[in-house]
Structure formats: structure tokens, C-alpha cells
């Protein structure tokens, strides 16, 4: 039986989180179907047709699936779920809202944020904020998995022959949940979850106005901006920039933590970064234990010097 990956997309193309989920699915089996559900999302299906590793695209296109509301999307998945051995979604806000609904309706367990596929029924996932790795084997006929995308390289596009696109009957949707609006900061900076360089600020920044120092350094480096939960709770930036166990899990080539103390929940979100640089005036801050390089000093002096040095 085949494997199903449920795509996170913007109606034009699938997100990088989905490409990493396809890589994880390929380690579970060879016959991989990709479900693209939404409204006016034919373009996303066509764009996905050359992704390496998938054998079929299922397209459910209807107004009832607009905005990919998890209540409606879960019902769509349930119409075909029993045809598959594995159901996979990225462990993003999208997947975390969707998969529990599917697993509950199917009366199966959910394996969250897998980081390694040992066998089609055996997986690894972090526990205790990443301080331990659990190996879990499941006997469920259908495996419901969310995938920590930083643990798997994105699948590449390049199939010389496009895979077939099969339209399936969309569900009518429910009137119990109504989409009102979405608010998102418009920026030309890279997307946080997939950026190669991230500059992040913590509560030590001191104020929303001081966060402009982070923006200046990020602009010099062509980097994405992140923040600790404390900085988000203080209102310095929006919560979509939060990095950590309860925010985004990222794995950039370079992560610069400025005014971040280094709580274990934050470290859990950056532990896979290749190089971590910490700037903090507290020499005993826990962030220095995770950092490859550390600067002890006043960020109001250090950061402008870095910006000036970068021209």
C-alpha cells in the first residue's frame, strides 16, 4: 500500500516543510502520494509534479478547503486514509493542528516530530526538550506521523516525467469553523524556518524599539529574524518569529543569539544549527554552553560595531 504526504502550500507551490516531509516518507516506502487540498490550488499541483520521490498527486480543489482549515482538511484526509500505510505532515503549526484530528478519528496513536526512520514501523523522536531520543515502534496499521523538517533534507525537483495528477472529490466542509482573517508581517527577508542565516533577539534587547538593532544586523547579513519566547511575550515582535520548543524548530548554517539567556526550551529549537554565536552581557548565561562562539558585552555596543564592520 502507498504512503500519503499531506502538503502544506500557498496555492502556488508547496512549502519547503513539505519537501522535507517527502524525504522522510521516502524512507518509509517507495510509493508516495502527495495530497494537495485547498482552493484554486491547481498551480501548486502542477508545480509539484516534478518533485523527486512522489508517484502520484491527489488534488482536492474547492472553496470548502480554502485556507486549509484543519477541521475541513482532516475530513478530506479521512475519506482516503484507509488506503495508506502512513500519513505524514510537517511538524509545523499546519501539521500540529491537523494530524491530532486525523489520528483521533482513526483511533490510532500519533508519533510527533520524528527525526529518523529506522524501519517502516520504527522511528526516533526527541523528548524532554531534545535532551533524550526515544525509539518508538508502532503496531498500528496506519502510522500517523508529524516530521521535524530540520532532520530531513528537502526533496528536490527534477523528475523528467511529471507524475500524474488525480482529482478527488472534495468534502463539503463544516460551518462550525469560519475563517476571519490572517495577519502577517510583510518582509523581503528569508523565511525563518528555511533561512541559512538567522539573527534572533531575546528579552535582553530591552524594548521593541531596540529590536531595530537586530533588524539592522539581519539586513547586513541577508538573514531572517527570530526571537525568544520572552521577547515575543514582551511584545517586541510577533509570535510568528518565535524560535524554540513552542515556536519554530530551525537548523540554519549560522544562528546569532543576541540578548537571549538560553532557556532549555529555546535551545531545543536551535540545537541543529551548524554554528551558534551568542552575544550576552552575562558571562554565566546558559546560551554560552550551546554556542560555538560567544561575545560577553553590551549588545548596544557590540551589535552596532558588527553592523559597521559589515559595511
C-alpha atoms as a PDB file:
ATOM      1  CA  UNK A   1       0.000   0.000   0.000  1.00  0.00           C
ATOM      2  CA  UNK A   2       1.189   3.558  -0.685  1.00  0.00           C
ATOM      3  CA  UNK A   3       2.183   6.365   1.684  1.00  0.00           C
ATOM      4  CA  UNK A   4       0.397   9.723   1.862  1.00  0.00           C
ATOM      5  CA  UNK A   5       2.050  13.099   2.447  1.00  0.00           C
ATOM      6  CA  UNK A   6      -0.361  15.954   3.138  1.00  0.00           C
ATOM      7  CA  UNK A   7       1.043  19.106   1.581  1.00  0.00           C
ATOM      8  CA  UNK A   8       1.439  22.476   3.218  1.00  0.00           C
ATOM      9  CA  UNK A   9       1.215  25.010   0.390  1.00  0.00           C
ATOM     10  CA  UNK A  10       0.284  28.558  -0.581  1.00  0.00           C
ATOM     11  CA  UNK A  11      -1.859  27.553  -3.608  1.00  0.00           C
ATOM     12  CA  UNK A  12       1.088  28.260  -5.921  1.00  0.00           C
ATOM     13  CA  UNK A  13       3.710  25.848  -4.628  1.00  0.00           C
ATOM     14  CA  UNK A  14       4.339  23.532  -1.708  1.00  0.00           C
ATOM     15  CA  UNK A  15       6.453  24.831   1.159  1.00  0.00           C
ATOM     16  CA  UNK A  16       9.924  23.571   1.992  1.00  0.00           C
ATOM     17  CA  UNK A  17       8.431  21.840   5.026  1.00  0.00           C
ATOM     18  CA  UNK A  18       6.531  19.543   2.655  1.00  0.00           C
ATOM     19  CA  UNK A  19       9.658  18.762   0.646  1.00  0.00           C
ATOM     20  CA  UNK A  20      11.422  17.596   3.821  1.00  0.00           C
ATOM     21  CA  UNK A  21       8.376  15.518   4.749  1.00  0.00           C
ATOM     22  CA  UNK A  22       8.552  13.790   1.353  1.00  0.00           C
ATOM     23  CA  UNK A  23      12.161  12.823   2.109  1.00  0.00           C
ATOM     24  CA  UNK A  24      11.024  11.240   5.384  1.00  0.00           C
ATOM     25  CA  UNK A  25       8.206   9.433   3.567  1.00  0.00           C
ATOM     26  CA  UNK A  26      10.686   8.003   1.048  1.00  0.00           C
ATOM     27  CA  UNK A  27      12.457   6.262   3.927  1.00  0.00           C
ATOM     28  CA  UNK A  28       9.187   4.518   4.844  1.00  0.00           C
ATOM     29  CA  UNK A  29       8.407   3.181   1.365  1.00  0.00           C
ATOM     30  CA  UNK A  30       8.663   3.812  -2.352  1.00  0.00           C
ATOM     31  CA  UNK A  31       5.069   4.519  -3.437  1.00  0.00           C
ATOM     32  CA  UNK A  32       4.381   8.066  -2.215  1.00  0.00           C
ATOM     33  CA  UNK A  33       1.248  10.072  -2.959  1.00  0.00           C
ATOM     34  CA  UNK A  34       1.017  13.818  -2.304  1.00  0.00           C
ATOM     35  CA  UNK A  35      -2.334  15.321  -1.302  1.00  0.00           C
ATOM     36  CA  UNK A  36      -2.808  18.961  -2.254  1.00  0.00           C
ATOM     37  CA  UNK A  37      -6.060  20.255  -0.818  1.00  0.00           C
ATOM     38  CA  UNK A  38      -7.235  23.844  -0.975  1.00  0.00           C
ATOM     39  CA  UNK A  39      -8.974  26.369  -3.153  1.00  0.00           C
ATOM     40  CA  UNK A  40      -7.585  27.388  -6.568  1.00  0.00           C
ATOM     41  CA  UNK A  41      -4.518  25.223  -5.973  1.00  0.00           C
ATOM     42  CA  UNK A  42      -4.125  23.632  -9.415  1.00  0.00           C
ATOM     43  CA  UNK A  43      -0.892  25.591  -9.848  1.00  0.00           C
ATOM     44  CA  UNK A  44       0.561  24.044  -6.681  1.00  0.00           C
ATOM     45  CA  UNK A  45      -0.247  20.583  -8.028  1.00  0.00           C
ATOM     46  CA  UNK A  46       1.386  21.311 -11.371  1.00  0.00           C
ATOM     47  CA  UNK A  47       4.451  22.794  -9.681  1.00  0.00           C
ATOM     48  CA  UNK A  48       4.785  19.657  -7.524  1.00  0.00           C
ATOM     49  CA  UNK A  49       4.609  17.236 -10.440  1.00  0.00           C
ATOM     50  CA  UNK A  50       8.389  17.096 -10.855  1.00  0.00           C
ATOM     51  CA  UNK A  51       9.280  16.518  -7.190  1.00  0.00           C
ATOM     52  CA  UNK A  52      11.531  13.513  -6.913  1.00  0.00           C
ATOM     53  CA  UNK A  53      10.164  10.622  -4.896  1.00  0.00           C
ATOM     54  CA  UNK A  54       6.421  11.014  -5.388  1.00  0.00           C
ATOM     55  CA  UNK A  55       4.419   8.748  -7.686  1.00  0.00           C
ATOM     56  CA  UNK A  56       1.013  10.468  -7.740  1.00  0.00           C
ATOM     57  CA  UNK A  57      -0.570  13.783  -6.801  1.00  0.00           C
ATOM     58  CA  UNK A  58      -4.111  13.877  -5.418  1.00  0.00           C
ATOM     59  CA  UNK A  59      -5.857  17.215  -5.909  1.00  0.00           C
ATOM     60  CA  UNK A  60      -8.878  18.277  -3.865  1.00  0.00           C
ATOM     61  CA  UNK A  61      -9.803  21.768  -5.020  1.00  0.00           C
ATOM     62  CA  UNK A  62     -12.890  23.510  -3.626  1.00  0.00           C
ATOM     63  CA  UNK A  63     -13.914  26.666  -1.734  1.00  0.00           C
ATOM     64  CA  UNK A  64     -14.685  24.491   1.292  1.00  0.00           C
ATOM     65  CA  UNK A  65     -10.942  23.773   1.585  1.00  0.00           C
ATOM     66  CA  UNK A  66      -9.831  27.396   1.344  1.00  0.00           C
ATOM     67  CA  UNK A  67      -7.221  28.477   3.893  1.00  0.00           C
ATOM     68  CA  UNK A  68      -6.621  24.777   4.726  1.00  0.00           C
ATOM     69  CA  UNK A  69      -8.708  24.904   7.892  1.00  0.00           C
ATOM     70  CA  UNK A  70      -7.718  21.790   9.866  1.00  0.00           C
ATOM     71  CA  UNK A  71     -11.324  20.793  10.597  1.00  0.00           C
ATOM     72  CA  UNK A  72     -12.158  20.553   6.892  1.00  0.00           C
ATOM     73  CA  UNK A  73      -8.785  19.242   5.766  1.00  0.00           C
ATOM     74  CA  UNK A  74      -8.910  16.428   8.337  1.00  0.00           C
ATOM     75  CA  UNK A  75     -12.261  15.301   6.942  1.00  0.00           C
ATOM     76  CA  UNK A  76     -10.743  15.295   3.452  1.00  0.00           C
ATOM     77  CA  UNK A  77      -7.855  13.095   4.562  1.00  0.00           C
ATOM     78  CA  UNK A  78     -10.213  10.711   6.338  1.00  0.00           C
ATOM     79  CA  UNK A  79     -12.011   9.953   3.061  1.00  0.00           C
ATOM     80  CA  UNK A  80      -8.851   8.262   1.729  1.00  0.00           C
ATOM     81  CA  UNK A  81      -6.795   7.483   4.852  1.00  0.00           C
ATOM     82  CA  UNK A  82      -7.542   3.745   4.926  1.00  0.00           C
ATOM     83  CA  UNK A  83      -5.884   3.333   1.520  1.00  0.00           C
ATOM     84  CA  UNK A  84      -2.471   4.134   3.038  1.00  0.00           C
ATOM     85  CA  UNK A  85       0.027   2.654   5.475  1.00  0.00           C
ATOM     86  CA  UNK A  86       1.495   6.001   6.550  1.00  0.00           C
ATOM     87  CA  UNK A  87       0.116   9.533   6.830  1.00  0.00           C
ATOM     88  CA  UNK A  88       2.766  12.247   7.128  1.00  0.00           C
ATOM     89  CA  UNK A  89       2.636  16.009   7.670  1.00  0.00           C
ATOM     90  CA  UNK A  90       5.349  18.507   8.613  1.00  0.00           C
ATOM     91  CA  UNK A  91       5.545  19.303  12.335  1.00  0.00           C
ATOM     92  CA  UNK A  92       4.698  22.953  11.701  1.00  0.00           C
ATOM     93  CA  UNK A  93       1.678  24.848  13.007  1.00  0.00           C
ATOM     94  CA  UNK A  94      -0.150  23.414   9.978  1.00  0.00           C
ATOM     95  CA  UNK A  95       0.664  19.799  10.833  1.00  0.00           C
ATOM     96  CA  UNK A  96       0.249  20.187  14.582  1.00  0.00           C
ATOM     97  CA  UNK A  97      -3.314  21.406  14.081  1.00  0.00           C
ATOM     98  CA  UNK A  98      -4.160  18.753  11.508  1.00  0.00           C
ATOM     99  CA  UNK A  99      -2.716  15.387  12.475  1.00  0.00           C
ATOM    100  CA  UNK A 100      -4.223  15.053  16.001  1.00  0.00           C
ATOM    101  CA  UNK A 101      -7.695  15.359  14.464  1.00  0.00           C
ATOM    102  CA  UNK A 102      -6.923  12.644  11.926  1.00  0.00           C
ATOM    103  CA  UNK A 103      -5.344  10.276  14.458  1.00  0.00           C
ATOM    104  CA  UNK A 104      -8.230  10.695  16.898  1.00  0.00           C
ATOM    105  CA  UNK A 105     -10.857   9.929  14.252  1.00  0.00           C
ATOM    106  CA  UNK A 106      -8.906   6.840  13.132  1.00  0.00           C
ATOM    107  CA  UNK A 107      -8.363   5.785  16.773  1.00  0.00           C
ATOM    108  CA  UNK A 108      -4.606   5.422  16.285  1.00  0.00           C
ATOM    109  CA  UNK A 109      -1.607   6.888  18.060  1.00  0.00           C
ATOM    110  CA  UNK A 110       0.262   9.868  16.652  1.00  0.00           C
ATOM    111  CA  UNK A 111       4.055   9.876  16.579  1.00  0.00           C
ATOM    112  CA  UNK A 112       5.123  13.504  16.808  1.00  0.00           C
ATOM    113  CA  UNK A 113       8.199  15.208  15.366  1.00  0.00           C
ATOM    114  CA  UNK A 114      10.044  12.144  14.155  1.00  0.00           C
ATOM    115  CA  UNK A 115      13.708  12.823  13.368  1.00  0.00           C
ATOM    116  CA  UNK A 116      14.730   9.436  11.972  1.00  0.00           C
ATOM    117  CA  UNK A 117      13.118   6.485  10.218  1.00  0.00           C
ATOM    118  CA  UNK A 118      14.689   3.238  11.420  1.00  0.00           C
ATOM    119  CA  UNK A 119      12.118   0.965   9.776  1.00  0.00           C
ATOM    120  CA  UNK A 120       8.630   1.484   8.343  1.00  0.00           C
ATOM    121  CA  UNK A 121       7.197   0.880  11.829  1.00  0.00           C
ATOM    122  CA  UNK A 122      10.046   2.233  13.971  1.00  0.00           C
ATOM    123  CA  UNK A 123      11.042   5.855  14.449  1.00  0.00           C
ATOM    124  CA  UNK A 124      13.107   8.187  16.599  1.00  0.00           C
ATOM    125  CA  UNK A 125      11.777  11.379  18.151  1.00  0.00           C
ATOM    126  CA  UNK A 126      13.191  13.839  20.709  1.00  0.00           C
ATOM    127  CA  UNK A 127      11.750  14.015  24.224  1.00  0.00           C
ATOM    128  CA  UNK A 128      12.486  16.183  27.278  1.00  0.00           C
ATOM    129  CA  UNK A 129      13.153  19.250  25.084  1.00  0.00           C
ATOM    130  CA  UNK A 130      15.593  17.277  22.974  1.00  0.00           C
ATOM    131  CA  UNK A 131      17.716  16.053  25.875  1.00  0.00           C
ATOM    132  CA  UNK A 132      16.838  12.433  25.098  1.00  0.00           C
ATOM    133  CA  UNK A 133      15.874  10.499  21.971  1.00  0.00           C
ATOM    134  CA  UNK A 134      13.094   7.921  22.147  1.00  0.00           C
ATOM    135  CA  UNK A 135      12.881   4.960  19.772  1.00  0.00           C
ATOM    136  CA  UNK A 136       9.240   4.054  19.184  1.00  0.00           C
ATOM    137  CA  UNK A 137       7.759   1.072  17.366  1.00  0.00           C
ATOM    138  CA  UNK A 138       4.085   1.130  16.461  1.00  0.00           C
ATOM    139  CA  UNK A 139       1.800  -1.760  15.581  1.00  0.00           C
ATOM    140  CA  UNK A 140      -0.946   0.459  14.129  1.00  0.00           C
ATOM    141  CA  UNK A 141      -1.988  -0.477  10.605  1.00  0.00           C
ATOM    142  CA  UNK A 142      -1.869   3.230   9.703  1.00  0.00           C
ATOM    143  CA  UNK A 143       1.070   5.259  11.009  1.00  0.00           C
ATOM    144  CA  UNK A 144       0.232   8.904  11.747  1.00  0.00           C
ATOM    145  CA  UNK A 145       3.456  10.919  11.748  1.00  0.00           C
ATOM    146  CA  UNK A 146       4.489  14.530  12.047  1.00  0.00           C
ATOM    147  CA  UNK A 147       8.004  15.205  10.776  1.00  0.00           C
ATOM    148  CA  UNK A 148      10.599  17.530  12.280  1.00  0.00           C
ATOM    149  CA  UNK A 149      11.622  19.048   8.984  1.00  0.00           C
ATOM    150  CA  UNK A 150      15.088  20.167  10.107  1.00  0.00           C
ATOM    151  CA  UNK A 151      16.062  16.483  10.401  1.00  0.00           C
ATOM    152  CA  UNK A 152      15.443  15.702   6.709  1.00  0.00           C
ATOM    153  CA  UNK A 153      16.855  17.348   3.591  1.00  0.00           C
ATOM    154  CA  UNK A 154      14.218  18.775   1.225  1.00  0.00           C
ATOM    155  CA  UNK A 155      13.259  16.579  -1.707  1.00  0.00           C
ATOM    156  CA  UNK A 156      14.470  18.011  -4.976  1.00  0.00           C
ATOM    157  CA  UNK A 157      12.563  18.823  -8.113  1.00  0.00           C
ATOM    158  CA  UNK A 158      13.842  17.316 -11.328  1.00  0.00           C
ATOM    159  CA  UNK A 159      11.710  14.395 -12.475  1.00  0.00           C
ATOM    160  CA  UNK A 160      11.967  14.327 -16.247  1.00  0.00           C
ATOM    161  CA  UNK A 161       8.427  12.959 -16.479  1.00  0.00           C
ATOM    162  CA  UNK A 162       5.722  14.674 -14.437  1.00  0.00           C
ATOM    163  CA  UNK A 163       3.772  12.407 -12.118  1.00  0.00           C
ATOM    164  CA  UNK A 164       0.023  12.105 -12.747  1.00  0.00           C
ATOM    165  CA  UNK A 165      -2.432  14.468 -11.071  1.00  0.00           C
ATOM    166  CA  UNK A 166      -5.677  12.810  -9.993  1.00  0.00           C
ATOM    167  CA  UNK A 167      -8.614  14.940  -8.919  1.00  0.00           C
ATOM    168  CA  UNK A 168     -10.583  13.608  -5.970  1.00  0.00           C
ATOM    169  CA  UNK A 169     -13.988  14.624  -4.646  1.00  0.00           C
ATOM    170  CA  UNK A 170     -13.632  17.453  -2.111  1.00  0.00           C
ATOM    171  CA  UNK A 171     -15.528  17.367   1.182  1.00  0.00           C
ATOM    172  CA  UNK A 172     -18.300  19.938   1.693  1.00  0.00           C
ATOM    173  CA  UNK A 173     -16.708  21.380   4.812  1.00  0.00           C
ATOM    174  CA  UNK A 174     -18.226  22.458   8.117  1.00  0.00           C
ATOM    175  CA  UNK A 175     -19.813  25.713   9.224  1.00  0.00           C
ATOM    176  CA  UNK A 176     -18.581  25.237  12.787  1.00  0.00           C
ATOM    177  CA  UNK A 177     -15.301  26.938  11.939  1.00  0.00           C
ATOM    178  CA  UNK A 178     -15.169  30.169   9.960  1.00  0.00           C
ATOM    179  CA  UNK A 179     -12.059  31.852   8.606  1.00  0.00           C
ATOM    180  CA  UNK A 180     -11.951  35.509   9.646  1.00  0.00           C
ATOM    181  CA  UNK A 181      -8.568  36.935   8.690  1.00  0.00           C
ATOM    182  CA  UNK A 182      -4.839  36.404   8.737  1.00  0.00           C
ATOM    183  CA  UNK A 183      -2.247  38.921   9.889  1.00  0.00           C
ATOM    184  CA  UNK A 184       1.334  38.508   8.797  1.00  0.00           C
ATOM    185  CA  UNK A 185       4.266  40.901   8.674  1.00  0.00           C
ATOM    186  CA  UNK A 186       5.270  41.576   5.074  1.00  0.00           C
ATOM    187  CA  UNK A 187       9.030  41.334   4.646  1.00  0.00           C
ATOM    188  CA  UNK A 188      11.649  40.782   1.986  1.00  0.00           C
ATOM    189  CA  UNK A 189      13.770  38.778   4.412  1.00  0.00           C
ATOM    190  CA  UNK A 190      14.136  34.989   4.062  1.00  0.00           C
ATOM    191  CA  UNK A 191      11.557  32.712   5.645  1.00  0.00           C
ATOM    192  CA  UNK A 192      12.584  31.897   9.215  1.00  0.00           C
ATOM    193  CA  UNK A 193      12.046  28.151   9.015  1.00  0.00           C
ATOM    194  CA  UNK A 194      14.301  27.699   5.974  1.00  0.00           C
ATOM    195  CA  UNK A 195      16.819  30.575   6.220  1.00  0.00           C
ATOM    196  CA  UNK A 196      20.554  29.804   6.105  1.00  0.00           C
ATOM    197  CA  UNK A 197      21.313  32.680   8.498  1.00  0.00           C
ATOM    198  CA  UNK A 198      19.131  33.783  11.426  1.00  0.00           C
ATOM    199  CA  UNK A 199      19.642  36.716  13.795  1.00  0.00           C
ATOM    200  CA  UNK A 200      17.486  36.432  16.912  1.00  0.00           C
ATOM    201  CA  UNK A 201      16.837  38.693  19.876  1.00  0.00           C
ATOM    202  CA  UNK A 202      15.702  37.984  23.402  1.00  0.00           C
ATOM    203  CA  UNK A 203      14.268  39.835  26.349  1.00  0.00           C
ATOM    204  CA  UNK A 204      17.718  41.334  26.926  1.00  0.00           C
ATOM    205  CA  UNK A 205      17.108  43.587  23.897  1.00  0.00           C
ATOM    206  CA  UNK A 206      15.101  45.712  26.328  1.00  0.00           C
ATOM    207  CA  UNK A 207      12.372  47.155  24.126  1.00  0.00           C
ATOM    208  CA  UNK A 208      10.549  46.965  20.821  1.00  0.00           C
ATOM    209  CA  UNK A 209      12.490  49.997  19.620  1.00  0.00           C
ATOM    210  CA  UNK A 210      15.851  48.384  20.437  1.00  0.00           C
ATOM    211  CA  UNK A 211      14.872  45.401  18.297  1.00  0.00           C
ATOM    212  CA  UNK A 212      15.818  47.573  15.333  1.00  0.00           C
ATOM    213  CA  UNK A 213      19.413  46.615  16.150  1.00  0.00           C
ATOM    214  CA  UNK A 214      18.505  43.022  15.289  1.00  0.00           C
ATOM    215  CA  UNK A 215      16.893  44.146  12.045  1.00  0.00           C
ATOM    216  CA  UNK A 216      19.950  46.174  11.028  1.00  0.00           C
ATOM    217  CA  UNK A 217      22.310  43.233  11.554  1.00  0.00           C
ATOM    218  CA  UNK A 218      19.934  40.852   9.782  1.00  0.00           C
ATOM    219  CA  UNK A 219      19.717  43.181   6.782  1.00  0.00           C
ATOM    220  CA  UNK A 220      23.517  43.322   6.539  1.00  0.00           C
ATOM    221  CA  UNK A 221      23.711  39.527   6.555  1.00  0.00           C
ATOM    222  CA  UNK A 222      20.667  38.863   4.380  1.00  0.00           C
ATOM    223  CA  UNK A 223      19.288  36.920   7.333  1.00  0.00           C
ATOM    224  CA  UNK A 224      15.904  36.024   8.741  1.00  0.00           C
ATOM    225  CA  UNK A 225      14.826  37.407  12.116  1.00  0.00           C
ATOM    226  CA  UNK A 226      13.917  35.253  15.100  1.00  0.00           C
ATOM    227  CA  UNK A 227      13.117  35.808  18.758  1.00  0.00           C
ATOM    228  CA  UNK A 228      12.907  34.007  22.058  1.00  0.00           C
ATOM    229  CA  UNK A 229       9.564  33.383  23.696  1.00  0.00           C
ATOM    230  CA  UNK A 230      10.347  36.032  26.312  1.00  0.00           C
ATOM    231  CA  UNK A 231      10.846  38.634  23.575  1.00  0.00           C
ATOM    232  CA  UNK A 232       7.574  37.628  21.920  1.00  0.00           C
ATOM    233  CA  UNK A 233       5.684  37.697  25.229  1.00  0.00           C
ATOM    234  CA  UNK A 234       7.115  41.161  25.891  1.00  0.00           C
ATOM    235  CA  UNK A 235       5.634  42.369  22.608  1.00  0.00           C
ATOM    236  CA  UNK A 236       8.914  43.137  20.865  1.00  0.00           C
ATOM    237  CA  UNK A 237       7.955  41.122  17.760  1.00  0.00           C
ATOM    238  CA  UNK A 238       5.072  38.966  16.526  1.00  0.00           C
ATOM    239  CA  UNK A 239       4.783  35.370  17.679  1.00  0.00           C
ATOM    240  CA  UNK A 240       5.396  34.004  14.165  1.00  0.00           C
ATOM    241  CA  UNK A 241       9.088  34.808  14.760  1.00  0.00           C
ATOM    242  CA  UNK A 242       9.353  32.721  17.931  1.00  0.00           C
ATOM    243  CA  UNK A 243      12.105  30.106  17.915  1.00  0.00           C
ATOM    244  CA  UNK A 244      12.112  27.207  20.344  1.00  0.00           C
ATOM    245  CA  UNK A 245      10.185  24.211  21.592  1.00  0.00           C
ATOM    246  CA  UNK A 246       6.866  26.095  21.462  1.00  0.00           C
ATOM    247  CA  UNK A 247       7.841  28.068  18.348  1.00  0.00           C
ATOM    248  CA  UNK A 248       9.737  27.163  15.194  1.00  0.00           C
ATOM    249  CA  UNK A 249      12.414  24.467  15.116  1.00  0.00           C
ATOM    250  CA  UNK A 250      15.179  25.679  12.817  1.00  0.00           C
ATOM    251  CA  UNK A 251      18.578  24.491  11.600  1.00  0.00           C
ATOM    252  CA  UNK A 252      20.376  27.385   9.875  1.00  0.00           C
ATOM    253  CA  UNK A 253      24.040  27.407   8.922  1.00  0.00           C
ATOM    254  CA  UNK A 254      24.530  30.398  11.262  1.00  0.00           C
ATOM    255  CA  UNK A 255      22.419  31.387  14.267  1.00  0.00           C
ATOM    256  CA  UNK A 256      23.233  34.613  16.110  1.00  0.00           C
ATOM    257  CA  UNK A 257      21.534  34.866  19.521  1.00  0.00           C
ATOM    258  CA  UNK A 258      21.536  38.391  20.947  1.00  0.00           C
ATOM    259  CA  UNK A 259      20.290  39.079  24.469  1.00  0.00           C
ATOM    260  CA  UNK A 260      18.958  35.530  24.768  1.00  0.00           C
ATOM    261  CA  UNK A 261      19.646  33.778  28.063  1.00  0.00           C
ATOM    262  CA  UNK A 262      19.369  30.277  26.609  1.00  0.00           C
ATOM    263  CA  UNK A 263      16.466  28.513  28.320  1.00  0.00           C
ATOM    264  CA  UNK A 264      16.274  24.808  27.543  1.00  0.00           C
ATOM    265  CA  UNK A 265      13.094  25.351  25.537  1.00  0.00           C
ATOM    266  CA  UNK A 266      14.917  27.801  23.267  1.00  0.00           C
ATOM    267  CA  UNK A 267      17.952  25.566  22.848  1.00  0.00           C
ATOM    268  CA  UNK A 268      15.602  22.767  21.728  1.00  0.00           C
ATOM    269  CA  UNK A 269      14.695  24.903  18.726  1.00  0.00           C
ATOM    270  CA  UNK A 270      18.253  25.646  17.568  1.00  0.00           C
ATOM    271  CA  UNK A 271      20.255  22.572  18.562  1.00  0.00           C
ATOM    272  CA  UNK A 272      20.668  21.509  14.924  1.00  0.00           C
ATOM    273  CA  UNK A 273      22.149  24.851  13.821  1.00  0.00           C
ATOM    274  CA  UNK A 274      25.618  24.344  12.342  1.00  0.00           C
ATOM    275  CA  UNK A 275      27.177  27.393  14.058  1.00  0.00           C
ATOM    276  CA  UNK A 276      25.776  29.309  17.030  1.00  0.00           C
ATOM    277  CA  UNK A 277      27.082  32.735  18.052  1.00  0.00           C
ATOM    278  CA  UNK A 278      25.907  34.249  21.354  1.00  0.00           C
ATOM    279  CA  UNK A 279      26.100  37.885  22.448  1.00  0.00           C
ATOM    280  CA  UNK A 280      25.185  38.498  26.078  1.00  0.00           C
ATOM    281  CA  UNK A 281      26.496  40.717  28.867  1.00  0.00           C
ATOM    282  CA  UNK A 282      26.006  37.901  31.402  1.00  0.00           C
ATOM    283  CA  UNK A 283      29.063  35.661  31.192  1.00  0.00           C
ATOM    284  CA  UNK A 284      27.167  32.907  33.026  1.00  0.00           C
ATOM    285  CA  UNK A 285      24.179  32.860  30.636  1.00  0.00           C
ATOM    286  CA  UNK A 286      23.292  29.253  29.662  1.00  0.00           C
ATOM    287  CA  UNK A 287      23.343  30.209  25.970  1.00  0.00           C
ATOM    288  CA  UNK A 288      27.149  30.133  26.054  1.00  0.00           C
ATOM    289  CA  UNK A 289      27.053  26.395  26.812  1.00  0.00           C
ATOM    290  CA  UNK A 290      25.363  25.801  23.451  1.00  0.00           C
ATOM    291  CA  UNK A 291      27.320  28.427  21.491  1.00  0.00           C
ATOM    292  CA  UNK A 292      30.304  27.764  19.241  1.00  0.00           C
ATOM    293  CA  UNK A 293      31.395  31.388  19.680  1.00  0.00           C
ATOM    294  CA  UNK A 294      30.492  33.839  22.424  1.00  0.00           C
ATOM    295  CA  UNK A 295      30.856  37.561  22.980  1.00  0.00           C
ATOM    296  CA  UNK A 296      30.408  38.887  26.513  1.00  0.00           C
ATOM    297  CA  UNK A 297      29.401  42.506  26.221  1.00  0.00           C
ATOM    298  CA  UNK A 298      26.677  45.118  25.960  1.00  0.00           C
ATOM    299  CA  UNK A 299      24.631  44.389  22.843  1.00  0.00           C
ATOM    300  CA  UNK A 300      24.054  48.140  22.400  1.00  0.00           C
ATOM    301  CA  UNK A 301      27.792  48.459  21.776  1.00  0.00           C
ATOM    302  CA  UNK A 302      28.609  45.104  20.154  1.00  0.00           C
ATOM    303  CA  UNK A 303      25.825  44.964  17.572  1.00  0.00           C
ATOM    304  CA  UNK A 304      26.457  48.457  16.077  1.00  0.00           C
ATOM    305  CA  UNK A 305      30.139  47.531  15.804  1.00  0.00           C
ATOM    306  CA  UNK A 306      29.217  44.391  13.882  1.00  0.00           C
ATOM    307  CA  UNK A 307      26.897  46.337  11.600  1.00  0.00           C
ATOM    308  CA  UNK A 308      29.625  48.906  10.919  1.00  0.00           C
ATOM    309  CA  UNK A 309      32.213  46.187  10.249  1.00  0.00           C
ATOM    310  CA  UNK A 310      29.898  44.558   7.694  1.00  0.00           C
ATOM    311  CA  UNK A 311      29.631  47.855   5.813  1.00  0.00           C
END
